[in-house]
Amino acid sequence: MIDTLANKLEQDHEILKEITSNISRNDLLKAQINAIEDGIFYSSLIVGERLKRSSIRSSIKKRLDENFD
């Protein structure tokens, strides 16, 4: 049973390594920006302030990578 689970985990790990090796740095930054942007946007709504998504995105880009397009 443990050997089976260990083998499955190892296979899944190899699959995950393959998937992540195909993701570019730019794609990872986009995913980070989207996740952070959503968090900030929805948090601002909770406190009653409506921030523009474009402003949020611009600020995040500058902080993560000023050369990011």
N, C-alpha and C. Protein backbone atom coordinates (compact mmCIF):
# COMPACT_ATOMS: atom_id res chain seq x y z
N MET A 1 0.82 -1.19 0.00
CA MET A 1 0.00 0.00 0.00
C MET A 1 0.87 1.26 0.00
N ILE A 2 1.85 1.33 0.91
CA ILE A 2 2.72 2.50 0.99
C ILE A 2 3.57 2.62 -0.27
N ASP A 3 4.05 1.48 -0.77
CA ASP A 3 4.84 1.50 -2.00
C ASP A 3 4.02 2.03 -3.17
N THR A 4 2.77 1.62 -3.25
CA THR A 4 1.88 2.09 -4.32
C THR A 4 1.68 3.60 -4.23
N LEU A 5 1.44 4.09 -3.02
CA LEU A 5 1.26 5.53 -2.84
C LEU A 5 2.54 6.30 -3.15
N ALA A 6 3.68 5.74 -2.74
CA ALA A 6 4.96 6.39 -3.01
C ALA A 6 5.22 6.46 -4.51
N ASN A 7 4.92 5.38 -5.22
CA ASN A 7 5.10 5.38 -6.68
C ASN A 7 4.18 6.39 -7.35
N LYS A 8 2.93 6.45 -6.90
CA LYS A 8 1.98 7.41 -7.46
C LYS A 8 2.45 8.84 -7.20
N LEU A 9 2.94 9.09 -6.00
CA LEU A 9 3.44 10.42 -5.65
C LEU A 9 4.64 10.79 -6.52
N GLU A 10 5.52 9.84 -6.74
CA GLU A 10 6.68 10.08 -7.58
C GLU A 10 6.26 10.38 -9.02
N GLN A 11 5.29 9.64 -9.54
CA GLN A 11 4.79 9.89 -10.89
C GLN A 11 4.16 11.28 -10.99
N ASP A 12 3.35 11.62 -10.00
CA ASP A 12 2.71 12.94 -9.99
C ASP A 12 3.75 14.05 -9.92
N HIS A 13 4.80 13.81 -9.13
CA HIS A 13 5.87 14.79 -9.01
C HIS A 13 6.56 15.01 -10.36
N GLU A 14 6.82 13.94 -11.07
CA GLU A 14 7.45 14.04 -12.40
C GLU A 14 6.55 14.80 -13.38
N ILE A 15 5.26 14.51 -13.33
CA ILE A 15 4.30 15.22 -14.20
C ILE A 15 4.30 16.70 -13.88
N LEU A 16 4.28 17.03 -12.59
CA LEU A 16 4.28 18.43 -12.17
C LEU A 16 5.57 19.13 -12.59
N LYS A 17 6.70 18.45 -12.46
CA LYS A 17 7.97 19.04 -12.91
C LYS A 17 7.93 19.34 -14.40
N GLU A 18 7.37 18.42 -15.18
CA GLU A 18 7.27 18.61 -16.63
C GLU A 18 6.38 19.80 -16.97
N ILE A 19 5.25 19.89 -16.29
CA ILE A 19 4.32 21.00 -16.54
C ILE A 19 4.97 22.33 -16.20
N THR A 20 5.59 22.41 -15.03
CA THR A 20 6.17 23.69 -14.60
C THR A 20 7.39 24.07 -15.43
N SER A 21 8.09 23.09 -15.98
CA SER A 21 9.25 23.43 -16.80
C SER A 21 8.82 24.09 -18.11
N ASN A 22 7.58 23.88 -18.51
CA ASN A 22 7.07 24.47 -19.74
C ASN A 22 6.43 25.84 -19.54
N ILE A 23 6.34 26.27 -18.30
CA ILE A 23 5.74 27.57 -18.01
C ILE A 23 6.85 28.62 -18.02
N SER A 24 6.66 29.64 -18.81
CA SER A 24 7.68 30.67 -18.90
C SER A 24 7.63 31.60 -17.69
N ARG A 25 8.69 32.33 -17.49
CA ARG A 25 8.75 33.30 -16.39
C ARG A 25 7.63 34.33 -16.55
N ASN A 26 7.39 34.73 -17.78
CA ASN A 26 6.34 35.71 -18.07
C ASN A 26 4.96 35.18 -17.67
N ASP A 27 4.69 33.92 -17.97
CA ASP A 27 3.41 33.32 -17.60
C ASP A 27 3.26 33.22 -16.08
N LEU A 28 4.35 32.91 -15.40
CA LEU A 28 4.30 32.85 -13.94
C LEU A 28 4.02 34.23 -13.35
N LEU A 29 4.65 35.26 -13.90
CA LEU A 29 4.39 36.62 -13.43
C LEU A 29 2.94 37.02 -13.67
N LYS A 30 2.41 36.65 -14.83
CA LYS A 30 1.00 36.95 -15.12
C LYS A 30 0.08 36.30 -14.10
N ALA A 31 0.35 35.05 -13.78
CA ALA A 31 -0.47 34.33 -12.81
C ALA A 31 -0.37 34.98 -11.43
N GLN A 32 0.84 35.38 -11.04
CA GLN A 32 1.02 36.06 -9.76
C GLN A 32 0.25 37.37 -9.73
N ILE A 33 0.39 38.14 -10.79
CA ILE A 33 -0.28 39.44 -10.86
C ILE A 33 -1.79 39.26 -10.78
N ASN A 34 -2.33 38.30 -11.51
CA ASN A 34 -3.78 38.07 -11.49
C ASN A 34 -4.27 37.70 -10.09
N ALA A 35 -3.54 36.83 -9.42
CA ALA A 35 -3.94 36.40 -8.08
C ALA A 35 -3.88 37.55 -7.09
N ILE A 36 -2.81 38.31 -7.13
CA ILE A 36 -2.66 39.45 -6.22
C ILE A 36 -3.71 40.51 -6.53
N GLU A 37 -3.91 40.78 -7.81
CA GLU A 37 -4.90 41.78 -8.23
C GLU A 37 -6.29 41.43 -7.71
N ASP A 38 -6.68 40.18 -7.87
CA ASP A 38 -7.99 39.75 -7.38
C ASP A 38 -8.12 39.94 -5.88
N GLY A 39 -7.08 39.56 -5.15
CA GLY A 39 -7.11 39.71 -3.70
C GLY A 39 -7.26 41.15 -3.27
N ILE A 40 -6.50 42.03 -3.88
CA ILE A 40 -6.58 43.46 -3.54
C ILE A 40 -7.93 44.03 -3.93
N PHE A 41 -8.40 43.70 -5.11
CA PHE A 41 -9.67 44.24 -5.59
C PHE A 41 -10.82 43.85 -4.66
N TYR A 42 -10.91 42.57 -4.35
CA TYR A 42 -12.02 42.11 -3.50
C TYR A 42 -11.87 42.60 -2.06
N SER A 43 -10.64 42.73 -1.58
CA SER A 43 -10.44 43.29 -0.24
C SER A 43 -10.88 44.74 -0.19
N SER A 44 -10.62 45.47 -1.26
CA SER A 44 -11.03 46.88 -1.29
C SER A 44 -12.54 47.01 -1.27
N LEU A 45 -13.23 46.10 -1.93
CA LEU A 45 -14.70 46.12 -1.91
C LEU A 45 -15.23 45.85 -0.51
N ILE A 46 -14.57 44.96 0.20
CA ILE A 46 -15.01 44.62 1.55
C ILE A 46 -14.93 45.84 2.47
N VAL A 47 -13.88 46.64 2.31
CA VAL A 47 -13.73 47.82 3.17
C VAL A 47 -14.46 49.03 2.61
N GLY A 48 -15.18 48.85 1.51
CA GLY A 48 -16.01 49.91 0.97
C GLY A 48 -15.32 50.88 0.04
N GLU A 49 -14.18 50.50 -0.46
CA GLU A 49 -13.45 51.36 -1.40
C GLU A 49 -13.32 50.62 -2.72
N ARG A 50 -13.64 51.29 -3.81
CA ARG A 50 -13.57 50.64 -5.12
C ARG A 50 -12.33 51.12 -5.86
N LEU A 51 -11.35 50.25 -5.97
CA LEU A 51 -10.12 50.58 -6.69
C LEU A 51 -10.25 50.12 -8.14
N LYS A 52 -9.58 50.84 -9.02
CA LYS A 52 -9.57 50.45 -10.44
C LYS A 52 -8.60 49.29 -10.63
N ARG A 53 -9.07 48.28 -11.35
CA ARG A 53 -8.20 47.13 -11.61
C ARG A 53 -6.94 47.54 -12.36
N SER A 54 -7.07 48.48 -13.28
CA SER A 54 -5.89 48.91 -14.05
C SER A 54 -4.84 49.55 -13.15
N SER A 55 -5.26 50.29 -12.15
CA SER A 55 -4.32 50.90 -11.21
C SER A 55 -3.66 49.84 -10.34
N ILE A 56 -4.46 48.89 -9.90
CA ILE A 56 -3.93 47.80 -9.08
C ILE A 56 -2.88 47.04 -9.88
N ARG A 57 -3.23 46.68 -11.11
CA ARG A 57 -2.34 45.90 -11.97
C ARG A 57 -1.03 46.65 -12.23
N SER A 58 -1.12 47.93 -12.50
CA SER A 58 0.06 48.73 -12.77
C SER A 58 1.00 48.75 -11.56
N SER A 59 0.44 48.92 -10.38
CA SER A 59 1.25 48.95 -9.16
C SER A 59 1.92 47.60 -8.90
N ILE A 60 1.17 46.54 -9.11
CA ILE A 60 1.73 45.20 -8.89
C ILE A 60 2.86 44.94 -9.87
N LYS A 61 2.66 45.27 -11.13
CA LYS A 61 3.69 45.05 -12.14
C LYS A 61 4.98 45.76 -11.76
N LYS A 62 4.86 47.00 -11.32
CA LYS A 62 6.05 47.77 -10.95
C LYS A 62 6.79 47.12 -9.79
N ARG A 63 6.04 46.58 -8.85
CA ARG A 63 6.68 45.97 -7.68
C ARG A 63 7.29 44.60 -8.01
N LEU A 64 6.63 43.82 -8.84
CA LEU A 64 7.14 42.49 -9.17
C LEU A 64 8.29 42.55 -10.16
N ASP A 65 8.12 43.34 -11.20
CA ASP A 65 9.13 43.39 -12.26
C ASP A 65 8.87 44.60 -13.12
N GLU A 66 9.70 45.61 -12.99
CA GLU A 66 9.45 46.85 -13.73
C GLU A 66 9.60 46.67 -15.24
N ASN A 67 10.25 45.60 -15.67
CA ASN A 67 10.40 45.34 -17.11
C ASN A 67 9.30 44.46 -17.66
N PHE A 68 8.39 44.03 -16.80
CA PHE A 68 7.31 43.14 -17.23
C PHE A 68 6.33 43.90 -18.10
N ASP A 69 5.88 43.27 -19.19
CA ASP A 69 4.92 43.92 -20.08
C ASP A 69 3.61 43.18 -20.05
